[in-house]
mmCIF file of all heavy atoms, coordinates in Angstrom:
data_MODEL
# 
_entry.id   MODEL 
# 
loop_
_atom_site.group_PDB 
_atom_site.id 
_atom_site.type_symbol 
_atom_site.label_atom_id 
_atom_site.label_alt_id 
_atom_site.label_comp_id 
_atom_site.label_asym_id 
_atom_site.label_entity_id 
_atom_site.label_seq_id 
_atom_site.pdbx_PDB_ins_code 
_atom_site.Cartn_x 
_atom_site.Cartn_y 
_atom_site.Cartn_z 
_atom_site.occupancy 
_atom_site.B_iso_or_equiv 
_atom_site.pdbx_formal_charge 
_atom_site.auth_seq_id 
_atom_site.auth_comp_id 
_atom_site.auth_asym_id 
_atom_site.auth_atom_id 
_atom_site.pdbx_PDB_model_num 
ATOM 1   N N   . SER A 1 1  ? 85.915 -20.312 -94.617  1.00 0.00 ? 1  SER A N   1 
ATOM 2   C CA  . SER A 1 1  ? 85.521 -21.686 -94.280  1.00 0.00 ? 1  SER A CA  1 
ATOM 3   C C   . SER A 1 1  ? 86.212 -22.662 -95.207  1.00 0.00 ? 1  SER A C   1 
ATOM 4   O O   . SER A 1 1  ? 86.500 -22.346 -96.360  1.00 0.00 ? 1  SER A O   1 
ATOM 5   C CB  . SER A 1 1  ? 84.000 -21.851 -94.409  1.00 0.00 ? 1  SER A CB  1 
ATOM 6   O OG  . SER A 1 1  ? 83.312 -20.904 -93.625  1.00 0.00 ? 1  SER A OG  1 
ATOM 7   N N   . PRO A 1 2  ? 86.493 -23.862 -94.711  1.00 0.00 ? 2  PRO A N   1 
ATOM 8   C CA  . PRO A 1 2  ? 87.065 -24.888 -95.595  1.00 0.00 ? 2  PRO A CA  1 
ATOM 9   C C   . PRO A 1 2  ? 86.050 -25.322 -96.646  1.00 0.00 ? 2  PRO A C   1 
ATOM 10  O O   . PRO A 1 2  ? 84.848 -25.062 -96.520  1.00 0.00 ? 2  PRO A O   1 
ATOM 11  C CB  . PRO A 1 2  ? 87.421 -26.021 -94.637  1.00 0.00 ? 2  PRO A CB  1 
ATOM 12  C CG  . PRO A 1 2  ? 86.508 -25.831 -93.472  1.00 0.00 ? 2  PRO A CG  1 
ATOM 13  C CD  . PRO A 1 2  ? 86.303 -24.357 -93.345  1.00 0.00 ? 2  PRO A CD  1 
ATOM 14  N N   . LYS A 1 3  ? 86.515 -26.007 -97.634  1.00 0.00 ? 3  LYS A N   1 
ATOM 15  C CA  . LYS A 1 3  ? 85.644 -26.502 -98.689  1.00 0.00 ? 3  LYS A CA  1 
ATOM 16  C C   . LYS A 1 3  ? 84.670 -27.517 -98.097  1.00 0.00 ? 3  LYS A C   1 
ATOM 17  O O   . LYS A 1 3  ? 85.023 -28.325 -97.243  1.00 0.00 ? 3  LYS A O   1 
ATOM 18  C CB  . LYS A 1 3  ? 86.477 -27.150 -99.791  1.00 0.00 ? 3  LYS A CB  1 
ATOM 19  C CG  . LYS A 1 3  ? 85.674 -27.627 -100.980 1.00 0.00 ? 3  LYS A CG  1 
ATOM 20  C CD  . LYS A 1 3  ? 86.579 -28.241 -102.035 1.00 0.00 ? 3  LYS A CD  1 
ATOM 21  C CE  . LYS A 1 3  ? 85.772 -28.739 -103.224 1.00 0.00 ? 3  LYS A CE  1 
ATOM 22  N NZ  . LYS A 1 3  ? 86.638 -29.355 -104.264 1.00 0.00 ? 3  LYS A NZ  1 
ATOM 23  N N   . THR A 1 4  ? 83.432 -27.431 -98.559  1.00 0.00 ? 4  THR A N   1 
ATOM 24  C CA  . THR A 1 4  ? 82.408 -28.350 -98.059  1.00 0.00 ? 4  THR A CA  1 
ATOM 25  C C   . THR A 1 4  ? 82.753 -29.782 -98.450  1.00 0.00 ? 4  THR A C   1 
ATOM 26  O O   . THR A 1 4  ? 82.899 -30.106 -99.627  1.00 0.00 ? 4  THR A O   1 
ATOM 27  C CB  . THR A 1 4  ? 81.032 -27.973 -98.620  1.00 0.00 ? 4  THR A CB  1 
ATOM 28  O OG1 . THR A 1 4  ? 80.695 -26.648 -98.200  1.00 0.00 ? 4  THR A OG1 1 
ATOM 29  C CG2 . THR A 1 4  ? 79.967 -28.940 -98.132  1.00 0.00 ? 4  THR A CG2 1 
ATOM 30  N N   . THR A 1 5  ? 82.899 -30.618 -97.441  1.00 0.00 ? 5  THR A N   1 
ATOM 31  C CA  . THR A 1 5  ? 83.180 -32.035 -97.670  1.00 0.00 ? 5  THR A CA  1 
ATOM 32  C C   . THR A 1 5  ? 82.297 -32.868 -96.752  1.00 0.00 ? 5  THR A C   1 
ATOM 33  O O   . THR A 1 5  ? 81.992 -32.470 -95.623  1.00 0.00 ? 5  THR A O   1 
ATOM 34  C CB  . THR A 1 5  ? 84.649 -32.376 -97.385  1.00 0.00 ? 5  THR A CB  1 
ATOM 35  O OG1 . THR A 1 5  ? 84.988 -31.979 -96.039  1.00 0.00 ? 5  THR A OG1 1 
ATOM 36  C CG2 . THR A 1 5  ? 85.560 -31.668 -98.359  1.00 0.00 ? 5  THR A CG2 1 
ATOM 37  N N   . ILE A 1 6  ? 81.871 -34.027 -97.250  1.00 0.00 ? 6  ILE A N   1 
ATOM 38  C CA  . ILE A 1 6  ? 81.067 -34.975 -96.481  1.00 0.00 ? 6  ILE A CA  1 
ATOM 39  C C   . ILE A 1 6  ? 81.953 -36.160 -96.144  1.00 0.00 ? 6  ILE A C   1 
ATOM 40  O O   . ILE A 1 6  ? 82.457 -36.850 -97.029  1.00 0.00 ? 6  ILE A O   1 
ATOM 41  C CB  . ILE A 1 6  ? 79.828 -35.427 -97.266  1.00 0.00 ? 6  ILE A CB  1 
ATOM 42  C CG1 . ILE A 1 6  ? 78.928 -34.226 -97.580  1.00 0.00 ? 6  ILE A CG1 1 
ATOM 43  C CG2 . ILE A 1 6  ? 79.050 -36.483 -96.486  1.00 0.00 ? 6  ILE A CG2 1 
ATOM 44  C CD1 . ILE A 1 6  ? 77.731 -34.571 -98.433  1.00 0.00 ? 6  ILE A CD1 1 
ATOM 45  N N   . SER A 1 7  ? 82.137 -36.389 -94.855  1.00 0.00 ? 7  SER A N   1 
ATOM 46  C CA  . SER A 1 7  ? 82.999 -37.491 -94.423  1.00 0.00 ? 7  SER A CA  1 
ATOM 47  C C   . SER A 1 7  ? 82.218 -38.726 -94.002  1.00 0.00 ? 7  SER A C   1 
ATOM 48  O O   . SER A 1 7  ? 82.753 -39.835 -94.015  1.00 0.00 ? 7  SER A O   1 
ATOM 49  C CB  . SER A 1 7  ? 83.888 -37.039 -93.263  1.00 0.00 ? 7  SER A CB  1 
ATOM 50  O OG  . SER A 1 7  ? 83.096 -36.596 -92.169  1.00 0.00 ? 7  SER A OG  1 
ATOM 51  N N   . ALA A 1 8  ? 80.959 -38.551 -93.598  1.00 0.00 ? 8  ALA A N   1 
ATOM 52  C CA  . ALA A 1 8  ? 80.172 -39.696 -93.139  1.00 0.00 ? 8  ALA A CA  1 
ATOM 53  C C   . ALA A 1 8  ? 78.701 -39.419 -93.379  1.00 0.00 ? 8  ALA A C   1 
ATOM 54  O O   . ALA A 1 8  ? 78.235 -38.275 -93.293  1.00 0.00 ? 8  ALA A O   1 
ATOM 55  C CB  . ALA A 1 8  ? 80.421 -39.979 -91.655  1.00 0.00 ? 8  ALA A CB  1 
ATOM 56  N N   . VAL A 1 9  ? 77.955 -40.487 -93.672  1.00 0.00 ? 9  VAL A N   1 
ATOM 57  C CA  . VAL A 1 9  ? 76.507 -40.426 -93.873  1.00 0.00 ? 9  VAL A CA  1 
ATOM 58  C C   . VAL A 1 9  ? 75.876 -41.460 -92.937  1.00 0.00 ? 9  VAL A C   1 
ATOM 59  O O   . VAL A 1 9  ? 76.250 -42.631 -92.954  1.00 0.00 ? 9  VAL A O   1 
ATOM 60  C CB  . VAL A 1 9  ? 76.108 -40.715 -95.329  1.00 0.00 ? 9  VAL A CB  1 
ATOM 61  C CG1 . VAL A 1 9  ? 74.592 -40.661 -95.485  1.00 0.00 ? 9  VAL A CG1 1 
ATOM 62  C CG2 . VAL A 1 9  ? 76.774 -39.723 -96.279  1.00 0.00 ? 9  VAL A CG2 1 
ATOM 63  N N   . SER A 1 10 ? 74.931 -41.009 -92.105  1.00 0.00 ? 10 SER A N   1 
ATOM 64  C CA  . SER A 1 10 ? 74.216 -41.899 -91.187  1.00 0.00 ? 10 SER A CA  1 
ATOM 65  C C   . SER A 1 10 ? 72.732 -41.805 -91.469  1.00 0.00 ? 10 SER A C   1 
ATOM 66  O O   . SER A 1 10 ? 72.231 -40.763 -91.915  1.00 0.00 ? 10 SER A O   1 
ATOM 67  C CB  . SER A 1 10 ? 74.497 -41.529 -89.728  1.00 0.00 ? 10 SER A CB  1 
ATOM 68  O OG  . SER A 1 10 ? 75.885 -41.525 -89.461  1.00 0.00 ? 10 SER A OG  1 
ATOM 69  N N   . VAL A 1 11 ? 72.028 -42.883 -91.188  1.00 0.00 ? 11 VAL A N   1 
ATOM 70  C CA  . VAL A 1 11 ? 70.590 -42.968 -91.452  1.00 0.00 ? 11 VAL A CA  1 
ATOM 71  C C   . VAL A 1 11 ? 69.898 -43.451 -90.188  1.00 0.00 ? 11 VAL A C   1 
ATOM 72  O O   . VAL A 1 11 ? 70.386 -44.358 -89.514  1.00 0.00 ? 11 VAL A O   1 
ATOM 73  C CB  . VAL A 1 11 ? 70.283 -43.917 -92.631  1.00 0.00 ? 11 VAL A CB  1 
ATOM 74  C CG1 . VAL A 1 11 ? 68.775 -44.108 -92.796  1.00 0.00 ? 11 VAL A CG1 1 
ATOM 75  C CG2 . VAL A 1 11 ? 70.877 -43.378 -93.926  1.00 0.00 ? 11 VAL A CG2 1 
ATOM 76  N N   . ARG A 1 12 ? 68.773 -42.823 -89.875  1.00 0.00 ? 12 ARG A N   1 
ATOM 77  C CA  . ARG A 1 12 ? 67.929 -43.271 -88.765  1.00 0.00 ? 12 ARG A CA  1 
ATOM 78  C C   . ARG A 1 12 ? 66.532 -43.549 -89.302  1.00 0.00 ? 12 ARG A C   1 
ATOM 79  O O   . ARG A 1 12 ? 65.849 -42.648 -89.784  1.00 0.00 ? 12 ARG A O   1 
ATOM 80  C CB  . ARG A 1 12 ? 67.850 -42.227 -87.652  1.00 0.00 ? 12 ARG A CB  1 
ATOM 81  C CG  . ARG A 1 12 ? 67.064 -42.716 -86.422  1.00 0.00 ? 12 ARG A CG  1 
ATOM 82  C CD  . ARG A 1 12 ? 67.153 -41.717 -85.277  1.00 0.00 ? 12 ARG A CD  1 
ATOM 83  N NE  . ARG A 1 12 ? 66.445 -40.493 -85.603  1.00 0.00 ? 12 ARG A NE  1 
ATOM 84  C CZ  . ARG A 1 12 ? 65.139 -40.308 -85.397  1.00 0.00 ? 12 ARG A CZ  1 
ATOM 85  N NH1 . ARG A 1 12 ? 64.418 -41.276 -84.874  1.00 0.00 ? 12 ARG A NH1 1 
ATOM 86  N NH2 . ARG A 1 12 ? 64.570 -39.170 -85.714  1.00 0.00 ? 12 ARG A NH2 1 
ATOM 87  N N   . HIS A 1 13 ? 66.127 -44.818 -89.239  1.00 0.00 ? 13 HIS A N   1 
ATOM 88  C CA  . HIS A 1 13 ? 64.794 -45.208 -89.656  1.00 0.00 ? 13 HIS A CA  1 
ATOM 89  C C   . HIS A 1 13 ? 63.803 -44.894 -88.548  1.00 0.00 ? 13 HIS A C   1 
ATOM 90  O O   . HIS A 1 13 ? 64.166 -44.737 -87.382  1.00 0.00 ? 13 HIS A O   1 
ATOM 91  C CB  . HIS A 1 13 ? 64.760 -46.702 -90.007  1.00 0.00 ? 13 HIS A CB  1 
ATOM 92  C CG  . HIS A 1 13 ? 65.739 -47.070 -91.095  1.00 0.00 ? 13 HIS A CG  1 
ATOM 93  N ND1 . HIS A 1 13 ? 65.407 -47.068 -92.434  1.00 0.00 ? 13 HIS A ND1 1 
ATOM 94  C CD2 . HIS A 1 13 ? 67.042 -47.434 -91.037  1.00 0.00 ? 13 HIS A CD2 1 
ATOM 95  C CE1 . HIS A 1 13 ? 66.461 -47.432 -93.148  1.00 0.00 ? 13 HIS A CE1 1 
ATOM 96  N NE2 . HIS A 1 13 ? 67.474 -47.656 -92.319  1.00 0.00 ? 13 HIS A NE2 1 
ATOM 97  N N   . ARG A 1 14 ? 62.519 -44.798 -88.902  1.00 0.00 ? 14 ARG A N   1 
ATOM 98  C CA  . ARG A 1 14 ? 61.486 -44.462 -87.926  1.00 0.00 ? 14 ARG A CA  1 
ATOM 99  C C   . ARG A 1 14 ? 61.503 -45.451 -86.766  1.00 0.00 ? 14 ARG A C   1 
ATOM 100 O O   . ARG A 1 14 ? 61.443 -46.673 -86.968  1.00 0.00 ? 14 ARG A O   1 
ATOM 101 C CB  . ARG A 1 14 ? 60.099 -44.502 -88.568  1.00 0.00 ? 14 ARG A CB  1 
ATOM 102 C CG  . ARG A 1 14 ? 59.868 -43.526 -89.698  1.00 0.00 ? 14 ARG A CG  1 
ATOM 103 C CD  . ARG A 1 14 ? 59.891 -42.091 -89.218  1.00 0.00 ? 14 ARG A CD  1 
ATOM 104 N NE  . ARG A 1 14 ? 61.226 -41.509 -89.270  1.00 0.00 ? 14 ARG A NE  1 
ATOM 105 C CZ  . ARG A 1 14 ? 61.541 -40.354 -88.808  1.00 0.00 ? 14 ARG A CZ  1 
ATOM 106 N NH1 . ARG A 1 14 ? 60.638 -39.631 -88.197  1.00 0.00 ? 14 ARG A NH1 1 
ATOM 107 N NH2 . ARG A 1 14 ? 62.757 -39.884 -88.909  1.00 0.00 ? 14 ARG A NH2 1 
ATOM 108 N N   . GLY A 1 15 ? 61.593 -44.926 -85.530  1.00 0.00 ? 15 GLY A N   1 
ATOM 109 C CA  . GLY A 1 15 ? 61.573 -45.762 -84.343  1.00 0.00 ? 15 GLY A CA  1 
ATOM 110 C C   . GLY A 1 15 ? 62.890 -46.431 -84.024  1.00 0.00 ? 15 GLY A C   1 
ATOM 111 O O   . GLY A 1 15 ? 62.956 -47.216 -83.079  1.00 0.00 ? 15 GLY A O   1 
ATOM 112 N N   . GLY A 1 16 ? 63.964 -46.146 -84.802  1.00 0.00 ? 16 GLY A N   1 
ATOM 113 C CA  . GLY A 1 16 ? 65.248 -46.798 -84.570  1.00 0.00 ? 16 GLY A CA  1 
ATOM 114 C C   . GLY A 1 16 ? 66.324 -45.806 -84.158  1.00 0.00 ? 16 GLY A C   1 
ATOM 115 O O   . GLY A 1 16 ? 66.068 -44.624 -83.905  1.00 0.00 ? 16 GLY A O   1 
ATOM 116 N N   . ASP A 1 17 ? 67.551 -46.298 -84.109  1.00 0.00 ? 17 ASP A N   1 
ATOM 117 C CA  . ASP A 1 17 ? 68.700 -45.480 -83.757  1.00 0.00 ? 17 ASP A CA  1 
ATOM 118 C C   . ASP A 1 17 ? 69.515 -45.182 -85.011  1.00 0.00 ? 17 ASP A C   1 
ATOM 119 O O   . ASP A 1 17 ? 69.306 -45.763 -86.083  1.00 0.00 ? 17 ASP A O   1 
ATOM 120 C CB  . ASP A 1 17 ? 69.573 -46.216 -82.729  1.00 0.00 ? 17 ASP A CB  1 
ATOM 121 C CG  . ASP A 1 17 ? 68.835 -46.447 -81.414  1.00 0.00 ? 17 ASP A CG  1 
ATOM 122 O OD1 . ASP A 1 17 ? 68.029 -45.574 -81.046  1.00 0.00 ? 17 ASP A OD1 1 
ATOM 123 O OD2 . ASP A 1 17 ? 69.070 -47.492 -80.786  1.00 0.00 ? 17 ASP A OD2 1 
ATOM 124 N N   . TRP A 1 18 ? 70.475 -44.283 -84.861  1.00 0.00 ? 18 TRP A N   1 
ATOM 125 C CA  . TRP A 1 18 ? 71.343 -43.935 -85.974  1.00 0.00 ? 18 TRP A CA  1 
ATOM 126 C C   . TRP A 1 18 ? 72.239 -45.129 -86.328  1.00 0.00 ? 18 TRP A C   1 
ATOM 127 O O   . TRP A 1 18 ? 72.797 -45.787 -85.452  1.00 0.00 ? 18 TRP A O   1 
ATOM 128 C CB  . TRP A 1 18 ? 72.213 -42.730 -85.626  1.00 0.00 ? 18 TRP A CB  1 
ATOM 129 C CG  . TRP A 1 18 ? 71.443 -41.445 -85.546  1.00 0.00 ? 18 TRP A CG  1 
ATOM 130 C CD1 . TRP A 1 18 ? 71.036 -40.793 -84.423  1.00 0.00 ? 18 TRP A CD1 1 
ATOM 131 C CD2 . TRP A 1 18 ? 70.975 -40.664 -86.650  1.00 0.00 ? 18 TRP A CD2 1 
ATOM 132 N NE1 . TRP A 1 18 ? 70.354 -39.654 -84.750  1.00 0.00 ? 18 TRP A NE1 1 
ATOM 133 C CE2 . TRP A 1 18 ? 70.306 -39.539 -86.110  1.00 0.00 ? 18 TRP A CE2 1 
ATOM 134 C CE3 . TRP A 1 18 ? 71.070 -40.793 -88.030  1.00 0.00 ? 18 TRP A CE3 1 
ATOM 135 C CZ2 . TRP A 1 18 ? 69.726 -38.572 -86.909  1.00 0.00 ? 18 TRP A CZ2 1 
ATOM 136 C CZ3 . TRP A 1 18 ? 70.482 -39.826 -88.833  1.00 0.00 ? 18 TRP A CZ3 1 
ATOM 137 C CH2 . TRP A 1 18 ? 69.824 -38.734 -88.272  1.00 0.00 ? 18 TRP A CH2 1 
ATOM 138 N N   . THR A 1 19 ? 72.360 -45.388 -87.620  1.00 0.00 ? 19 THR A N   1 
ATOM 139 C CA  . THR A 1 19 ? 73.213 -46.472 -88.112  1.00 0.00 ? 19 THR A CA  1 
ATOM 140 C C   . THR A 1 19 ? 74.142 -45.917 -89.182  1.00 0.00 ? 19 THR A C   1 
ATOM 141 O O   . THR A 1 19 ? 73.821 -44.947 -89.878  1.00 0.00 ? 19 THR A O   1 
ATOM 142 C CB  . THR A 1 19 ? 72.377 -47.618 -88.700  1.00 0.00 ? 19 THR A CB  1 
ATOM 143 O OG1 . THR A 1 19 ? 71.636 -47.139 -89.839  1.00 0.00 ? 19 THR A OG1 1 
ATOM 144 C CG2 . THR A 1 19 ? 71.405 -48.170 -87.662  1.00 0.00 ? 19 THR A CG2 1 
ATOM 145 N N   . ASN A 1 20 ? 75.299 -46.562 -89.321  1.00 0.00 ? 20 ASN A N   1 
ATOM 146 C CA  . ASN A 1 20 ? 76.258 -46.143 -90.341  1.00 0.00 ? 20 ASN A CA  1 
ATOM 147 C C   . ASN A 1 20 ? 75.921 -46.693 -91.717  1.00 0.00 ? 20 ASN A C   1 
ATOM 148 O O   . ASN A 1 20 ? 76.589 -46.362 -92.699  1.00 0.00 ? 20 ASN A O   1 
ATOM 149 C CB  . ASN A 1 20 ? 77.669 -46.595 -89.944  1.00 0.00 ? 20 ASN A CB  1 
ATOM 150 C CG  . ASN A 1 20 ? 78.160 -45.896 -88.686  1.00 0.00 ? 20 ASN A CG  1 
ATOM 151 O OD1 . ASN A 1 20 ? 77.812 -44.742 -88.438  1.00 0.00 ? 20 ASN A OD1 1 
ATOM 152 N ND2 . ASN A 1 20 ? 78.939 -46.592 -87.870  1.00 0.00 ? 20 ASN A ND2 1 
ATOM 153 N N   . SER A 1 21 ? 74.908 -47.552 -91.796  1.00 0.00 ? 21 SER A N   1 
ATOM 154 C CA  . SER A 1 21 ? 74.488 -48.113 -93.075  1.00 0.00 ? 21 SER A CA  1 
ATOM 155 C C   . SER A 1 21 ? 73.627 -47.094 -93.815  1.00 0.00 ? 21 SER A C   1 
ATOM 156 O O   . SER A 1 21 ? 72.544 -46.738 -93.350  1.00 0.00 ? 21 SER A O   1 
ATOM 157 C CB  . SER A 1 21 ? 73.703 -49.408 -92.855  1.00 0.00 ? 21 SER A CB  1 
ATOM 158 O OG  . SER A 1 21 ? 73.221 -49.907 -94.079  1.00 0.00 ? 21 SER A OG  1 
ATOM 159 N N   . ALA A 1 22 ? 74.104 -46.623 -94.955  1.00 0.00 ? 22 ALA A N   1 
ATOM 160 C CA  . ALA A 1 22 ? 73.391 -45.590 -95.722  1.00 0.00 ? 22 ALA A CA  1 
ATOM 161 C C   . ALA A 1 22 ? 72.411 -46.232 -96.687  1.00 0.00 ? 22 ALA A C   1 
ATOM 162 O O   . ALA A 1 22 ? 72.390 -45.930 -97.880  1.00 0.00 ? 22 ALA A O   1 
ATOM 163 C CB  . ALA A 1 22 ? 74.375 -44.698 -96.468  1.00 0.00 ? 22 ALA A CB  1 
ATOM 164 N N   . THR A 1 23 ? 71.567 -47.123 -96.191  1.00 0.00 ? 23 THR A N   1 
ATOM 165 C CA  . THR A 1 23 ? 70.571 -47.784 -97.025  1.00 0.00 ? 23 THR A CA  1 
ATOM 166 C C   . THR A 1 23 ? 69.188 -47.329 -96.613  1.00 0.00 ? 23 THR A C   1 
ATOM 167 O O   . THR A 1 23 ? 68.895 -47.168 -95.424  1.00 0.00 ? 23 THR A O   1 
ATOM 168 C CB  . THR A 1 23 ? 70.672 -49.316 -96.894  1.00 0.00 ? 23 THR A CB  1 
ATOM 169 O OG1 . THR A 1 23 ? 70.483 -49.678 -95.524  1.00 0.00 ? 23 THR A OG1 1 
ATOM 170 C CG2 . THR A 1 23 ? 72.022 -49.802 -97.373  1.00 0.00 ? 23 THR A CG2 1 
ATOM 171 N N   . VAL A 1 24 ? 68.332 -47.107 -97.593  1.00 0.00 ? 24 VAL A N   1 
ATOM 172 C CA  . VAL A 1 24 ? 66.949 -46.709 -97.365  1.00 0.00 ? 24 VAL A CA  1 
ATOM 173 C C   . VAL A 1 24 ? 66.053 -47.619 -98.185  1.00 0.00 ? 24 VAL A C   1 
ATOM 174 O O   . VAL A 1 24 ? 66.506 -48.299 -99.103  1.00 0.00 ? 24 VAL A O   1 
ATOM 175 C CB  . VAL A 1 24 ? 66.713 -45.229 -97.747  1.00 0.00 ? 24 VAL A CB  1 
ATOM 176 C CG1 . VAL A 1 24 ? 67.509 -44.302 -96.846  1.00 0.00 ? 24 VAL A CG1 1 
ATOM 177 C CG2 . VAL A 1 24 ? 67.078 -44.973 -99.202  1.00 0.00 ? 24 VAL A CG2 1 
ATOM 178 N N   . ASN A 1 25 ? 64.763 -47.592 -97.842  1.00 0.00 ? 25 ASN A N   1 
ATOM 179 C CA  . ASN A 1 25 ? 63.786 -48.439 -98.515  1.00 0.00 ? 25 ASN A CA  1 
ATOM 180 C C   . ASN A 1 25 ? 62.757 -47.587 -99.234  1.00 0.00 ? 25 ASN A C   1 
ATOM 181 O O   . ASN A 1 25 ? 62.464 -46.465 -98.817  1.00 0.00 ? 25 ASN A O   1 
ATOM 182 C CB  . ASN A 1 25 ? 63.083 -49.345 -97.499  1.00 0.00 ? 25 ASN A CB  1 
ATOM 183 C CG  . ASN A 1 25 ? 64.065 -50.186 -96.706  1.00 0.00 ? 25 ASN A CG  1 
ATOM 184 O OD1 . ASN A 1 25 ? 64.293 -49.959 -95.535  1.00 0.00 ? 25 ASN A OD1 1 
ATOM 185 N ND2 . ASN A 1 25 ? 64.665 -51.157 -97.359  1.00 0.00 ? 25 ASN A ND2 1 
# 
């Protein structure tokens, strides 16, 4: 397997859709 790499982080808040903004509260 290739080396583990993270290319993107998405966040889905309760009741919402996936967003590219990696912000949490």
